[in-house]
């Protein structure tokens, strides 16, 4: 049995956006910028982070999430991504 703690209130979406699926590649990149903020950074310091997303098309959503985590001091080598579906 894996002992994995789930922290749900670390990344917060702070900007309303249109669904990524309705946009082209360039629009998706712009649409994902500055959308997420990190809260409760103390809960994830010195931990391995797994970002879970429902669908991966261009990767802009998970890349933006990883970017804000790195900006708060989380090492890139400690961030992984799990996607449930690929477009």
C-alpha atoms as a PDB file:
ATOM      1  CA  UNK A   1       0.000   0.000   0.000  1.00  0.00           C
ATOM      2  CA  UNK A   2       1.313   3.412  -0.960  1.00  0.00           C
ATOM      3  CA  UNK A   3       1.184   6.087   1.691  1.00  0.00           C
ATOM      4  CA  UNK A   4       0.544   9.107  -0.488  1.00  0.00           C
ATOM      5  CA  UNK A   5      -0.821  12.271   1.040  1.00  0.00           C
ATOM      6  CA  UNK A   6      -3.081  14.319  -1.226  1.00  0.00           C
ATOM      7  CA  UNK A   7      -2.910  18.084  -0.816  1.00  0.00           C
ATOM      8  CA  UNK A   8      -5.801  19.681  -2.676  1.00  0.00           C
ATOM      9  CA  UNK A   9      -5.390  23.322  -1.697  1.00  0.00           C
ATOM     10  CA  UNK A  10      -1.907  24.130  -2.970  1.00  0.00           C
ATOM     11  CA  UNK A  11      -2.594  25.397  -6.480  1.00  0.00           C
ATOM     12  CA  UNK A  12      -5.447  27.834  -6.891  1.00  0.00           C
ATOM     13  CA  UNK A  13      -6.943  29.004 -10.154  1.00  0.00           C
ATOM     14  CA  UNK A  14      -7.136  32.789  -9.821  1.00  0.00           C
ATOM     15  CA  UNK A  15      -8.358  33.754 -13.277  1.00  0.00           C
ATOM     16  CA  UNK A  16     -11.417  32.594 -15.202  1.00  0.00           C
ATOM     17  CA  UNK A  17     -10.510  31.211 -18.606  1.00  0.00           C
ATOM     18  CA  UNK A  18     -12.270  29.729 -21.572  1.00  0.00           C
ATOM     19  CA  UNK A  19     -11.929  25.944 -21.955  1.00  0.00           C
ATOM     20  CA  UNK A  20      -8.559  25.049 -23.492  1.00  0.00           C
ATOM     21  CA  UNK A  21     -10.286  22.579 -25.828  1.00  0.00           C
ATOM     22  CA  UNK A  22     -11.947  25.472 -27.670  1.00  0.00           C
ATOM     23  CA  UNK A  23      -8.630  27.140 -28.557  1.00  0.00           C
ATOM     24  CA  UNK A  24      -5.762  26.636 -30.985  1.00  0.00           C
ATOM     25  CA  UNK A  25      -2.197  25.975 -29.771  1.00  0.00           C
ATOM     26  CA  UNK A  26      -1.129  29.619 -29.542  1.00  0.00           C
ATOM     27  CA  UNK A  27      -4.359  30.682 -27.850  1.00  0.00           C
ATOM     28  CA  UNK A  28      -4.000  27.857 -25.314  1.00  0.00           C
ATOM     29  CA  UNK A  29      -0.571  29.097 -24.305  1.00  0.00           C
ATOM     30  CA  UNK A  30      -1.890  32.629 -23.699  1.00  0.00           C
ATOM     31  CA  UNK A  31      -5.026  31.330 -21.984  1.00  0.00           C
ATOM     32  CA  UNK A  32      -2.973  29.384 -19.398  1.00  0.00           C
ATOM     33  CA  UNK A  33      -0.611  32.232 -18.445  1.00  0.00           C
ATOM     34  CA  UNK A  34      -0.877  33.678 -14.945  1.00  0.00           C
ATOM     35  CA  UNK A  35      -3.902  31.527 -14.133  1.00  0.00           C
ATOM     36  CA  UNK A  36      -2.521  29.664 -11.085  1.00  0.00           C
ATOM     37  CA  UNK A  37      -1.080  30.763  -7.758  1.00  0.00           C
ATOM     38  CA  UNK A  38       0.574  28.682  -5.062  1.00  0.00           C
ATOM     39  CA  UNK A  39      -1.021  28.596  -1.613  1.00  0.00           C
ATOM     40  CA  UNK A  40       0.114  26.719   1.461  1.00  0.00           C
ATOM     41  CA  UNK A  41       3.634  26.225   0.120  1.00  0.00           C
ATOM     42  CA  UNK A  42       4.669  24.857   3.520  1.00  0.00           C
ATOM     43  CA  UNK A  43       2.591  21.729   2.836  1.00  0.00           C
ATOM     44  CA  UNK A  44       4.754  20.748  -0.143  1.00  0.00           C
ATOM     45  CA  UNK A  45       8.249  22.009   0.707  1.00  0.00           C
ATOM     46  CA  UNK A  46      10.838  19.232   0.274  1.00  0.00           C
ATOM     47  CA  UNK A  47       8.232  16.835  -1.144  1.00  0.00           C
ATOM     48  CA  UNK A  48       7.775  15.104  -4.471  1.00  0.00           C
ATOM     49  CA  UNK A  49       4.816  16.630  -6.319  1.00  0.00           C
ATOM     50  CA  UNK A  50       2.495  14.888  -8.764  1.00  0.00           C
ATOM     51  CA  UNK A  51       0.284  17.184 -10.834  1.00  0.00           C
ATOM     52  CA  UNK A  52      -2.811  15.369 -12.097  1.00  0.00           C
ATOM     53  CA  UNK A  53      -4.684  16.728 -15.120  1.00  0.00           C
ATOM     54  CA  UNK A  54      -7.678  15.250 -16.897  1.00  0.00           C
ATOM     55  CA  UNK A  55      -6.406  15.753 -20.459  1.00  0.00           C
ATOM     56  CA  UNK A  56      -3.084  16.594 -22.109  1.00  0.00           C
ATOM     57  CA  UNK A  57      -3.057  18.286 -25.478  1.00  0.00           C
ATOM     58  CA  UNK A  58      -0.366  20.969 -25.654  1.00  0.00           C
ATOM     59  CA  UNK A  59       0.782  20.689 -22.042  1.00  0.00           C
ATOM     60  CA  UNK A  60       0.176  24.363 -21.339  1.00  0.00           C
ATOM     61  CA  UNK A  61      -1.909  23.778 -18.216  1.00  0.00           C
ATOM     62  CA  UNK A  62       0.540  21.444 -16.472  1.00  0.00           C
ATOM     63  CA  UNK A  63       3.507  23.511 -17.628  1.00  0.00           C
ATOM     64  CA  UNK A  64       1.994  26.626 -16.084  1.00  0.00           C
ATOM     65  CA  UNK A  65       1.280  24.759 -12.837  1.00  0.00           C
ATOM     66  CA  UNK A  66       4.870  23.482 -12.722  1.00  0.00           C
ATOM     67  CA  UNK A  67       6.200  26.964 -13.487  1.00  0.00           C
ATOM     68  CA  UNK A  68       4.502  28.574 -10.493  1.00  0.00           C
ATOM     69  CA  UNK A  69       5.705  25.740  -8.234  1.00  0.00           C
ATOM     70  CA  UNK A  70       9.299  26.232  -9.417  1.00  0.00           C
ATOM     71  CA  UNK A  71       8.970  29.986  -8.857  1.00  0.00           C
ATOM     72  CA  UNK A  72       8.134  29.171  -5.213  1.00  0.00           C
ATOM     73  CA  UNK A  73      11.256  27.043  -4.809  1.00  0.00           C
ATOM     74  CA  UNK A  74      10.078  23.540  -5.699  1.00  0.00           C
ATOM     75  CA  UNK A  75      12.756  21.694  -7.674  1.00  0.00           C
ATOM     76  CA  UNK A  76      11.769  20.622 -11.208  1.00  0.00           C
ATOM     77  CA  UNK A  77      13.169  17.165 -10.465  1.00  0.00           C
ATOM     78  CA  UNK A  78      10.511  16.813  -7.735  1.00  0.00           C
ATOM     79  CA  UNK A  79       7.562  17.549 -10.039  1.00  0.00           C
ATOM     80  CA  UNK A  80       5.820  14.857 -12.066  1.00  0.00           C
ATOM     81  CA  UNK A  81       2.674  14.832 -14.171  1.00  0.00           C
ATOM     82  CA  UNK A  82      -0.082  12.243 -14.505  1.00  0.00           C
ATOM     83  CA  UNK A  83      -2.647  12.663 -17.263  1.00  0.00           C
ATOM     84  CA  UNK A  84      -5.818  10.638 -17.547  1.00  0.00           C
ATOM     85  CA  UNK A  85      -6.375  11.187 -21.292  1.00  0.00           C
ATOM     86  CA  UNK A  86      -4.539  12.525 -24.316  1.00  0.00           C
ATOM     87  CA  UNK A  87      -6.248  14.653 -26.964  1.00  0.00           C
END
